[in-house]
N, C-alpha and C. Protein backbone atom coordinates (compact mmCIF):
# COMPACT_ATOMS: atom_id res chain seq x y z
N UNK A 1 1.71 19.06 -11.12
CA UNK A 1 1.85 17.62 -11.31
C UNK A 1 1.01 16.90 -10.25
N UNK A 2 0.62 15.70 -10.56
CA UNK A 2 -0.23 14.92 -9.69
C UNK A 2 0.59 14.35 -8.53
N UNK A 3 0.30 14.81 -7.31
CA UNK A 3 1.08 14.38 -6.15
C UNK A 3 0.82 12.93 -5.77
N UNK A 4 -0.37 12.43 -6.05
CA UNK A 4 -0.66 11.03 -5.77
C UNK A 4 0.21 10.11 -6.64
N UNK A 5 0.39 10.48 -7.89
CA UNK A 5 1.21 9.69 -8.79
C UNK A 5 2.67 9.69 -8.32
N UNK A 6 3.16 10.83 -7.90
CA UNK A 6 4.53 10.92 -7.40
C UNK A 6 4.69 10.07 -6.15
N UNK A 7 3.72 10.12 -5.24
CA UNK A 7 3.77 9.33 -4.02
C UNK A 7 3.75 7.83 -4.33
N UNK A 8 2.88 7.41 -5.24
CA UNK A 8 2.78 6.00 -5.61
C UNK A 8 4.08 5.53 -6.26
N UNK A 9 4.65 6.32 -7.16
CA UNK A 9 5.90 5.93 -7.80
C UNK A 9 7.05 5.88 -6.81
N UNK A 10 7.08 6.79 -5.86
CA UNK A 10 8.12 6.78 -4.82
C UNK A 10 8.00 5.54 -3.95
N UNK A 11 6.79 5.22 -3.51
CA UNK A 11 6.58 4.03 -2.68
C UNK A 11 6.89 2.75 -3.45
N UNK A 12 6.51 2.71 -4.71
CA UNK A 12 6.82 1.54 -5.54
C UNK A 12 8.33 1.39 -5.72
N UNK A 13 9.02 2.49 -5.92
CA UNK A 13 10.47 2.45 -6.04
C UNK A 13 11.13 1.97 -4.76
N UNK A 14 10.65 2.43 -3.61
CA UNK A 14 11.18 1.98 -2.33
C UNK A 14 10.91 0.50 -2.12
N UNK A 15 9.73 0.03 -2.54
CA UNK A 15 9.40 -1.39 -2.40
C UNK A 15 10.33 -2.24 -3.27
N UNK A 16 10.60 -1.80 -4.48
CA UNK A 16 11.51 -2.54 -5.37
C UNK A 16 12.92 -2.54 -4.79
N UNK A 17 13.36 -1.41 -4.27
CA UNK A 17 14.68 -1.34 -3.64
C UNK A 17 14.77 -2.27 -2.45
N UNK A 18 13.73 -2.33 -1.64
CA UNK A 18 13.69 -3.22 -0.49
C UNK A 18 13.78 -4.67 -0.92
N UNK A 19 13.05 -5.04 -1.96
CA UNK A 19 13.06 -6.42 -2.45
C UNK A 19 14.44 -6.78 -3.00
N UNK A 20 15.04 -5.87 -3.74
CA UNK A 20 16.37 -6.14 -4.30
C UNK A 20 17.41 -6.34 -3.21
N UNK A 21 17.32 -5.56 -2.14
CA UNK A 21 18.30 -5.65 -1.07
C UNK A 21 18.06 -6.84 -0.15
N UNK A 22 16.89 -7.48 -0.20
CA UNK A 22 16.57 -8.58 0.70
C UNK A 22 16.22 -9.86 -0.05
N UNK A 23 17.03 -10.20 -1.06
CA UNK A 23 16.75 -11.42 -1.81
C UNK A 23 17.46 -12.63 -1.22
N UNK A 24 18.22 -12.44 -0.15
CA UNK A 24 18.93 -13.56 0.47
C UNK A 24 17.93 -14.61 0.94
N UNK A 25 18.28 -15.86 0.74
CA UNK A 25 17.42 -16.98 1.15
C UNK A 25 17.65 -17.26 2.63
N UNK A 26 16.57 -17.35 3.38
CA UNK A 26 16.65 -17.71 4.80
C UNK A 26 15.89 -19.01 5.00
N UNK A 27 16.31 -19.75 6.00
CA UNK A 27 15.67 -21.03 6.31
C UNK A 27 14.90 -20.88 7.61
N UNK A 28 13.63 -21.25 7.59
CA UNK A 28 12.77 -21.17 8.77
C UNK A 28 12.42 -22.59 9.19
N UNK A 29 12.67 -22.89 10.46
CA UNK A 29 12.34 -24.22 10.99
C UNK A 29 11.30 -24.06 12.09
N UNK A 30 10.28 -24.91 12.03
CA UNK A 30 9.24 -24.91 13.05
C UNK A 30 8.80 -26.35 13.27
N UNK A 31 9.01 -26.84 14.46
CA UNK A 31 8.71 -28.22 14.83
C UNK A 31 9.34 -29.20 13.84
N UNK A 32 8.53 -29.81 12.98
CA UNK A 32 9.03 -30.85 12.10
C UNK A 32 9.23 -30.42 10.65
N UNK A 33 8.92 -29.18 10.33
CA UNK A 33 9.07 -28.77 8.95
C UNK A 33 10.03 -27.61 8.82
N UNK A 34 10.62 -27.50 7.64
CA UNK A 34 11.58 -26.45 7.32
C UNK A 34 11.23 -25.89 5.95
N UNK A 35 11.31 -24.58 5.82
CA UNK A 35 11.02 -23.93 4.55
C UNK A 35 12.11 -22.88 4.28
N UNK A 36 12.43 -22.70 3.01
CA UNK A 36 13.39 -21.69 2.60
C UNK A 36 12.69 -20.70 1.69
N UNK A 37 12.90 -19.41 1.95
CA UNK A 37 12.30 -18.37 1.12
C UNK A 37 13.14 -17.10 1.23
N UNK A 38 12.90 -16.15 0.36
CA UNK A 38 13.65 -14.90 0.42
C UNK A 38 13.20 -14.11 1.65
N UNK A 39 14.11 -13.31 2.14
CA UNK A 39 13.84 -12.52 3.34
C UNK A 39 12.70 -11.52 3.10
N UNK A 40 12.64 -10.92 1.92
CA UNK A 40 11.58 -9.97 1.61
C UNK A 40 10.21 -10.65 1.61
N UNK A 41 10.14 -11.86 1.05
CA UNK A 41 8.88 -12.61 1.04
C UNK A 41 8.45 -12.99 2.45
N UNK A 42 9.42 -13.37 3.27
CA UNK A 42 9.12 -13.70 4.66
C UNK A 42 8.56 -12.49 5.40
N UNK A 43 9.16 -11.33 5.21
CA UNK A 43 8.66 -10.12 5.86
C UNK A 43 7.26 -9.76 5.38
N UNK A 44 7.00 -9.94 4.08
CA UNK A 44 5.67 -9.68 3.54
C UNK A 44 4.63 -10.59 4.20
N UNK A 45 4.95 -11.89 4.31
CA UNK A 45 4.01 -12.82 4.95
C UNK A 45 3.78 -12.48 6.41
N UNK A 46 4.83 -12.09 7.13
CA UNK A 46 4.67 -11.74 8.54
C UNK A 46 3.80 -10.50 8.72
N UNK A 47 3.99 -9.50 7.87
CA UNK A 47 3.16 -8.29 7.94
C UNK A 47 1.71 -8.63 7.60
N UNK A 48 1.49 -9.44 6.56
CA UNK A 48 0.13 -9.82 6.17
C UNK A 48 -0.56 -10.60 7.28
N UNK A 49 0.15 -11.53 7.91
CA UNK A 49 -0.43 -12.30 9.02
C UNK A 49 -0.75 -11.37 10.19
N UNK A 50 0.13 -10.43 10.47
CA UNK A 50 -0.13 -9.48 11.55
C UNK A 50 -1.35 -8.61 11.29
N UNK A 51 -1.51 -8.17 10.05
CA UNK A 51 -2.69 -7.36 9.69
C UNK A 51 -3.96 -8.18 9.85
N UNK A 52 -3.94 -9.43 9.40
CA UNK A 52 -5.13 -10.29 9.50
C UNK A 52 -5.47 -10.56 10.95
N UNK A 53 -4.48 -10.88 11.78
CA UNK A 53 -4.74 -11.12 13.21
C UNK A 53 -5.28 -9.86 13.87
N UNK A 54 -4.69 -8.71 13.57
CA UNK A 54 -5.18 -7.45 14.14
C UNK A 54 -6.60 -7.14 13.72
N UNK A 55 -6.94 -7.43 12.47
CA UNK A 55 -8.29 -7.19 11.98
C UNK A 55 -9.29 -8.09 12.71
N UNK A 56 -8.94 -9.38 12.87
CA UNK A 56 -9.84 -10.29 13.58
C UNK A 56 -9.98 -9.91 15.05
N UNK A 57 -8.89 -9.54 15.70
CA UNK A 57 -8.96 -9.14 17.11
C UNK A 57 -9.78 -7.87 17.28
N UNK A 58 -9.61 -6.92 16.37
CA UNK A 58 -10.39 -5.68 16.43
C UNK A 58 -11.88 -5.99 16.28
N UNK A 59 -12.21 -6.85 15.32
CA UNK A 59 -13.62 -7.23 15.14
C UNK A 59 -14.16 -7.98 16.35
N UNK A 60 -13.34 -8.86 16.92
CA UNK A 60 -13.76 -9.64 18.08
C UNK A 60 -14.05 -8.74 19.27
N UNK A 61 -13.16 -7.80 19.57
CA UNK A 61 -13.37 -6.92 20.71
C UNK A 61 -14.50 -5.94 20.48
N UNK A 62 -14.69 -5.48 19.24
CA UNK A 62 -15.83 -4.61 18.96
C UNK A 62 -17.14 -5.38 19.11
N UNK A 63 -17.17 -6.62 18.67
CA UNK A 63 -18.37 -7.44 18.82
C UNK A 63 -18.65 -7.73 20.29
N UNK A 64 -17.60 -7.98 21.05
CA UNK A 64 -17.73 -8.32 22.47
C UNK A 64 -18.26 -7.14 23.28
N UNK A 65 -17.83 -5.93 22.94
CA UNK A 65 -18.28 -4.74 23.69
C UNK A 65 -19.56 -4.16 23.14
N UNK A 66 -20.03 -4.68 22.01
CA UNK A 66 -21.28 -4.21 21.44
C UNK A 66 -21.13 -2.99 20.56
N UNK A 67 -19.91 -2.58 20.25
CA UNK A 67 -19.69 -1.43 19.38
C UNK A 67 -19.90 -1.84 17.93
N UNK A 68 -20.36 -0.89 17.14
CA UNK A 68 -20.47 -1.12 15.70
C UNK A 68 -19.54 -0.15 15.01
N UNK A 69 -19.02 -0.58 13.89
CA UNK A 69 -18.05 0.26 13.17
C UNK A 69 -18.79 1.19 12.23
C-alpha cells in the first residue's frame, strides 16, 4: 500500500479532529479593536504568521551575512 497516502490521510484526520475539538469561540482584544473567532482558526493564523516572520528573518540574516541559499 502507498505509505504517502496513509500518512496524508492520517494527518488530515488529525487536523479534522483538532478542528472539531477547538471550535469554541474566543475573543481577542488588542488596543481599540476586538475580534471573535474559533480557537482552531486563531491557532492557524498564529502559526502562519510565525512561519512568515521566520522566513523573512531567515532571508534577512542570510542576505546580511552574504550567504546564498
